[in-house]
C-alpha atoms as a PDB file:
ATOM      1  CA  MET A   1       0.442   0.124   0.173  1.00  0.00           C
ATOM      2  CA  ALA A   2       1.079   3.524  -0.150  1.00  0.00           C
ATOM      3  CA  HIS A   3      -0.127   7.456   0.951  1.00  0.00           C
ATOM      4  CA  TYR A   4      -3.344   8.303  -0.661  1.00  0.00           C
ATOM      5  CA  ILE A   5      -5.296  11.958  -1.077  1.00  0.00           C
ATOM      6  CA  THR A   6      -8.384  12.603   0.896  1.00  0.00           C
ATOM      7  CA  ASP A   7     -11.370  14.345  -0.270  1.00  0.00           C
ATOM      8  CA  LYS A   8      -9.445  17.203   1.280  1.00  0.00           C
ATOM      9  CA  CYS A   9      -7.737  17.959  -1.471  1.00  0.00           C
ATOM     10  CA  ILE A  10      -8.052  21.282  -2.543  1.00  0.00           C
ATOM     11  CA  GLY A  11      -5.939  20.495  -6.051  1.00  0.00           C
ATOM     12  CA  CYS A  12      -3.058  23.261  -5.014  1.00  0.00           C
ATOM     13  CA  THR A  13      -0.599  20.982  -7.065  1.00  0.00           C
ATOM     14  CA  ALA A  14       2.483  21.445  -4.335  1.00  0.00           C
ATOM     15  CA  CYS A  15       2.394  17.636  -3.805  1.00  0.00           C
ATOM     16  CA  VAL A  16       3.155  17.262  -7.603  1.00  0.00           C
ATOM     17  CA  ASN A  17       5.959  19.347  -7.463  1.00  0.00           C
ATOM     18  CA  VAL A  18       7.519  18.253  -4.389  1.00  0.00           C
ATOM     19  CA  CYS A  19       6.907  13.945  -5.033  1.00  0.00           C
ATOM     20  CA  PRO A  20      10.411  12.785  -6.068  1.00  0.00           C
ATOM     21  CA  VAL A  21       8.814   9.711  -7.975  1.00  0.00           C
ATOM     22  CA  ASP A  22       6.940  12.127  -9.606  1.00  0.00           C
ATOM     23  CA  CYS A  23       3.345   9.539  -8.438  1.00  0.00           C
ATOM     24  CA  ILE A  24       0.925  12.001  -8.246  1.00  0.00           C
ATOM     25  CA  THR A  25      -1.002  13.524 -10.794  1.00  0.00           C
ATOM     26  CA  GLY A  26      -4.529  15.811 -11.022  1.00  0.00           C
ATOM     27  CA  GLN A  27      -5.385  18.573 -12.662  1.00  0.00           C
ATOM     28  CA  ARG A  28      -5.487  22.168 -10.702  1.00  0.00           C
ATOM     29  CA  ASP A  29      -8.252  23.134  -8.165  1.00  0.00           C
ATOM     30  CA  HIS A  30      -9.415  18.908  -8.207  1.00  0.00           C
ATOM     31  CA  LEU A  31      -8.827  15.529  -6.154  1.00  0.00           C
ATOM     32  CA  HIS A  32      -5.281  15.174  -7.142  1.00  0.00           C
ATOM     33  CA  VAL A  33      -4.191  10.757  -6.927  1.00  0.00           C
ATOM     34  CA  ILE A  34      -1.045   8.775  -6.027  1.00  0.00           C
ATOM     35  CA  ASP A  35      -0.198   5.641  -7.896  1.00  0.00           C
ATOM     36  CA  ALA A  36       0.649   3.442  -5.081  1.00  0.00           C
ATOM     37  CA  GLY A  37       2.668   1.055  -7.739  1.00  0.00           C
ATOM     38  CA  GLN A  38       4.806   4.295  -7.997  1.00  0.00           C
ATOM     39  CA  CYS A  39       4.560   5.911  -4.259  1.00  0.00           C
ATOM     40  CA  ILE A  40       7.623   5.285  -1.947  1.00  0.00           C
ATOM     41  CA  ASP A  41       5.761   6.431   1.251  1.00  0.00           C
ATOM     42  CA  CYS A  42       8.467   8.958   2.276  1.00  0.00           C
ATOM     43  CA  HIS A  43       5.887  11.880   2.965  1.00  0.00           C
ATOM     44  CA  ALA A  44       7.238  14.431   1.420  1.00  0.00           C
ATOM     45  CA  CYS A  45       3.392  15.359  -0.441  1.00  0.00           C
ATOM     46  CA  ALA A  46       2.197  14.807   3.272  1.00  0.00           C
ATOM     47  CA  TYR A  47       5.256  17.340   4.217  1.00  0.00           C
ATOM     48  CA  ILE A  48       3.767  20.353   1.846  1.00  0.00           C
ATOM     49  CA  CYS A  49       0.323  20.095   1.785  1.00  0.00           C
ATOM     50  CA  PRO A  50      -1.841  22.751   3.393  1.00  0.00           C
ATOM     51  CA  VAL A  51      -4.916  21.274   3.700  1.00  0.00           C
ATOM     52  CA  GLU A  52      -3.128  17.993   5.255  1.00  0.00           C
ATOM     53  CA  ALA A  53      -5.057  15.566   2.796  1.00  0.00           C
ATOM     54  CA  ILE A  54      -2.582  13.005   2.553  1.00  0.00           C
ATOM     55  CA  VAL A  55      -3.150  10.030   4.477  1.00  0.00           C
ATOM     56  CA  ASP A  56      -0.636   7.069   5.101  1.00  0.00           C
ATOM     57  CA  ARG A  57      -1.229   2.925   4.502  1.00  0.00           C
ATOM     58  CA  TRP A  58      -2.841   3.092   7.797  1.00  0.00           C
ATOM     59  CA  GLY A  59      -5.344   5.610   7.254  1.00  0.00           C
ATOM     60  CA  ARG A  60      -3.016   8.311   9.221  1.00  0.00           C
ATOM     61  CA  THR A  61      -3.399  11.814   8.367  1.00  0.00           C
ATOM     62  CA  ILE A  62       0.940  13.173   7.837  1.00  0.00           C
ATOM     63  CA  PRO A  63       0.661  16.505   9.583  1.00  0.00           C
ATOM     64  CA  ARG A  64       2.467  19.138   7.614  1.00  0.00           C
ATOM     65  CA  ILE A  65       5.719  20.611   8.557  1.00  0.00           C
ATOM     66  CA  LYS A  66       5.166  24.658   7.270  1.00  0.00           C
ATOM     67  CA  LYS A  67       9.130  24.998   7.343  1.00  0.00           C
ATOM     68  CA  ARG A  68      10.870  23.326   4.495  1.00  0.00           C
ATOM     69  CA  ALA A  69      14.217  23.608   6.694  1.00  0.00           C
ATOM     70  CA  ASP A  70      12.575  21.077   8.998  1.00  0.00           C
ATOM     71  CA  TRP A  71      11.634  18.291   7.000  1.00  0.00           C
ATOM     72  CA  PRO A  72      14.471  15.339   7.464  1.00  0.00           C
ATOM     73  CA  LYS A  73      17.411  15.017   6.297  1.00  0.00           C
ATOM     74  CA  PRO A  74      20.224  12.613   5.987  1.00  0.00           C
ATOM     75  CA  VAL A  75      22.651  12.667   8.178  1.00  0.00           C
ATOM     76  CA  ILE A  76      25.840  10.409   6.702  1.00  0.00           C
ATOM     77  CA  ASP A  77      28.700   8.962   8.411  1.00  0.00           C
ATOM     78  CA  PRO A  78      32.090   9.700   6.893  1.00  0.00           C
ATOM     79  CA  VAL A  79      33.749   6.975   8.828  1.00  0.00           C
ATOM     80  CA  LEU A  80      31.267   4.082   7.467  1.00  0.00           C
ATOM     81  CA  CYS A  81      30.396   6.127   3.995  1.00  0.00           C
ATOM     82  CA  SER A  82      32.726   3.952   1.100  1.00  0.00           C
ATOM     83  CA  GLY A  83      31.811   6.524  -1.430  1.00  0.00           C
ATOM     84  CA  CYS A  84      30.482   4.541  -3.507  1.00  0.00           C
ATOM     85  CA  ASN A  85      28.311   7.140  -5.526  1.00  0.00           C
ATOM     86  CA  PHE A  86      24.989   4.861  -5.026  1.00  0.00           C
ATOM     87  CA  CYS A  87      23.534   7.758  -3.060  1.00  0.00           C
ATOM     88  CA  VAL A  88      24.600  10.261  -5.339  1.00  0.00           C
ATOM     89  CA  ASP A  89      22.685   8.031  -8.337  1.00  0.00           C
ATOM     90  CA  VAL A  90      19.725   7.481  -6.918  1.00  0.00           C
ATOM     91  CA  CYS A  91      19.031  11.069  -5.350  1.00  0.00           C
ATOM     92  CA  PRO A  92      16.107  11.835  -6.707  1.00  0.00           C
ATOM     93  CA  GLU A  93      16.840  15.927  -6.064  1.00  0.00           C
ATOM     94  CA  SER A  94      20.727  15.747  -6.697  1.00  0.00           C
ATOM     95  CA  CYS A  95      20.991  17.610  -3.145  1.00  0.00           C
ATOM     96  CA  LEU A  96      24.360  14.720  -2.661  1.00  0.00           C
ATOM     97  CA  SER A  97      27.789  14.912  -3.833  1.00  0.00           C
ATOM     98  CA  LEU A  98      30.707  12.788  -3.685  1.00  0.00           C
ATOM     99  CA  GLU A  99      33.217  15.646  -1.705  1.00  0.00           C
ATOM    100  CA  GLY A 100      37.486  14.635  -1.576  1.00  0.00           C
ATOM    101  CA  GLY A 101      37.608  12.570  -4.852  1.00  0.00           C
ATOM    102  CA  GLY A 102      35.698  10.500  -7.096  1.00  0.00           C
ATOM    103  CA  PRO A 103      33.571   7.194  -6.960  1.00  0.00           C
ATOM    104  CA  PHE A 104      35.333   4.757  -3.812  1.00  0.00           C
ATOM    105  CA  GLU A 105      37.796   7.925  -2.936  1.00  0.00           C
ATOM    106  CA  GLY A 106      35.355  10.299  -1.457  1.00  0.00           C
ATOM    107  CA  VAL A 107      32.371  10.924   0.950  1.00  0.00           C
ATOM    108  CA  ALA A 108      28.858  11.317   0.433  1.00  0.00           C
ATOM    109  CA  VAL A 109      27.383  14.627   1.545  1.00  0.00           C
ATOM    110  CA  LEU A 110      24.323  17.000   1.336  1.00  0.00           C
ATOM    111  CA  ALA A 111      25.450  19.230  -0.906  1.00  0.00           C
ATOM    112  CA  ASP A 112      22.148  20.736  -0.881  1.00  0.00           C
ATOM    113  CA  PRO A 113      19.567  20.304   2.081  1.00  0.00           C
ATOM    114  CA  LYS A 114      17.510  22.954   0.582  1.00  0.00           C
ATOM    115  CA  ALA A 115      16.505  20.942  -2.282  1.00  0.00           C
ATOM    116  CA  CYS A 116      15.827  17.917  -0.430  1.00  0.00           C
ATOM    117  CA  VAL A 117      12.610  15.902   0.137  1.00  0.00           C
ATOM    118  CA  GLY A 118      13.591  13.712   2.703  1.00  0.00           C
ATOM    119  CA  CYS A 119      12.401  10.784   0.273  1.00  0.00           C
ATOM    120  CA  GLY A 120      15.150   8.585   1.673  1.00  0.00           C
ATOM    121  CA  LEU A 121      16.333   6.563  -1.182  1.00  0.00           C
ATOM    122  CA  CYS A 122      19.334   7.169  -0.394  1.00  0.00           C
ATOM    123  CA  GLU A 123      19.087   5.624   3.071  1.00  0.00           C
ATOM    124  CA  ASP A 124      17.550   2.964   1.311  1.00  0.00           C
ATOM    125  CA  VAL A 125      20.512   2.007  -1.067  1.00  0.00           C
ATOM    126  CA  CYS A 126      22.716   2.398   1.209  1.00  0.00           C
ATOM    127  CA  ALA A 127      24.960  -0.815   1.822  1.00  0.00           C
ATOM    128  CA  LYS A 128      26.903   0.250   4.594  1.00  0.00           C
ATOM    129  CA  GLY A 129      24.417   2.045   6.754  1.00  0.00           C
ATOM    130  CA  ALA A 130      26.542   5.049   7.021  1.00  0.00           C
ATOM    131  CA  ILE A 131      23.037   7.254   5.774  1.00  0.00           C
ATOM    132  CA  VAL A 132      20.018   7.477   8.120  1.00  0.00           C
ATOM    133  CA  VAL A 133      17.308   9.926   6.857  1.00  0.00           C
ATOM    134  CA  PRO A 134      16.015  10.349  11.248  1.00  0.00           C
ATOM    135  CA  PRO A 135      12.380  10.866  11.450  1.00  0.00           C
ATOM    136  CA  PRO A 136      11.014  14.695  11.837  1.00  0.00           C
ATOM    137  CA  LYS A 137       9.839  15.306  15.487  1.00  0.00           C
ATOM    138  CA  VAL A 138       5.744  15.967  13.519  1.00  0.00           C
ATOM    139  CA  LEU A 139       5.693  12.408  13.153  1.00  0.00           C
ATOM    140  CA  GLU A 140       7.011  11.352  17.105  1.00  0.00           C
ATOM    141  CA  GLU A 141       4.135  14.780  18.241  1.00  0.00           C
ATOM    142  CA  ALA A 142       1.603  13.073  16.611  1.00  0.00           C
ATOM    143  CA  GLY A 143       2.542   9.691  17.460  1.00  0.00           C
ATOM    144  CA  ILE A 144       3.071   8.195  13.914  1.00  0.00           C
ATOM    145  CA  PRO A 145       5.877   6.136  14.115  1.00  0.00           C
ATOM    146  CA  ALA A 146       9.004   6.467  11.426  1.00  0.00           C
END
């Protein structure tokens, strides 16, 4: 299952613009739809939704996070990072890069935090466990486990 959009949707298109995997469709001022086969359950659409119309796979409304700076960001452990470049390649927002050399020579860094939507694809692909995308406090406060 994936996230879905409730009838509270006002069709503002904010979710469409922020989705890292382009799985949301709809016309302006009309109810939008999430393609469950493509959704990666990253919550980015919910974090930006002005009317909190995004519900997770368990039916829980994911709270909006008004400041994008407060969205989850990857934390990279330079000791564990092997510089494989997988996270850089998978990042849909191109916000990660290798610093200090090429593949297997450098270390991954969050080069553009403003572009990051906290989708967690970098964490998912990291075989070394060097990347963690911690959940935002609003999920904990809402009683929603990561």
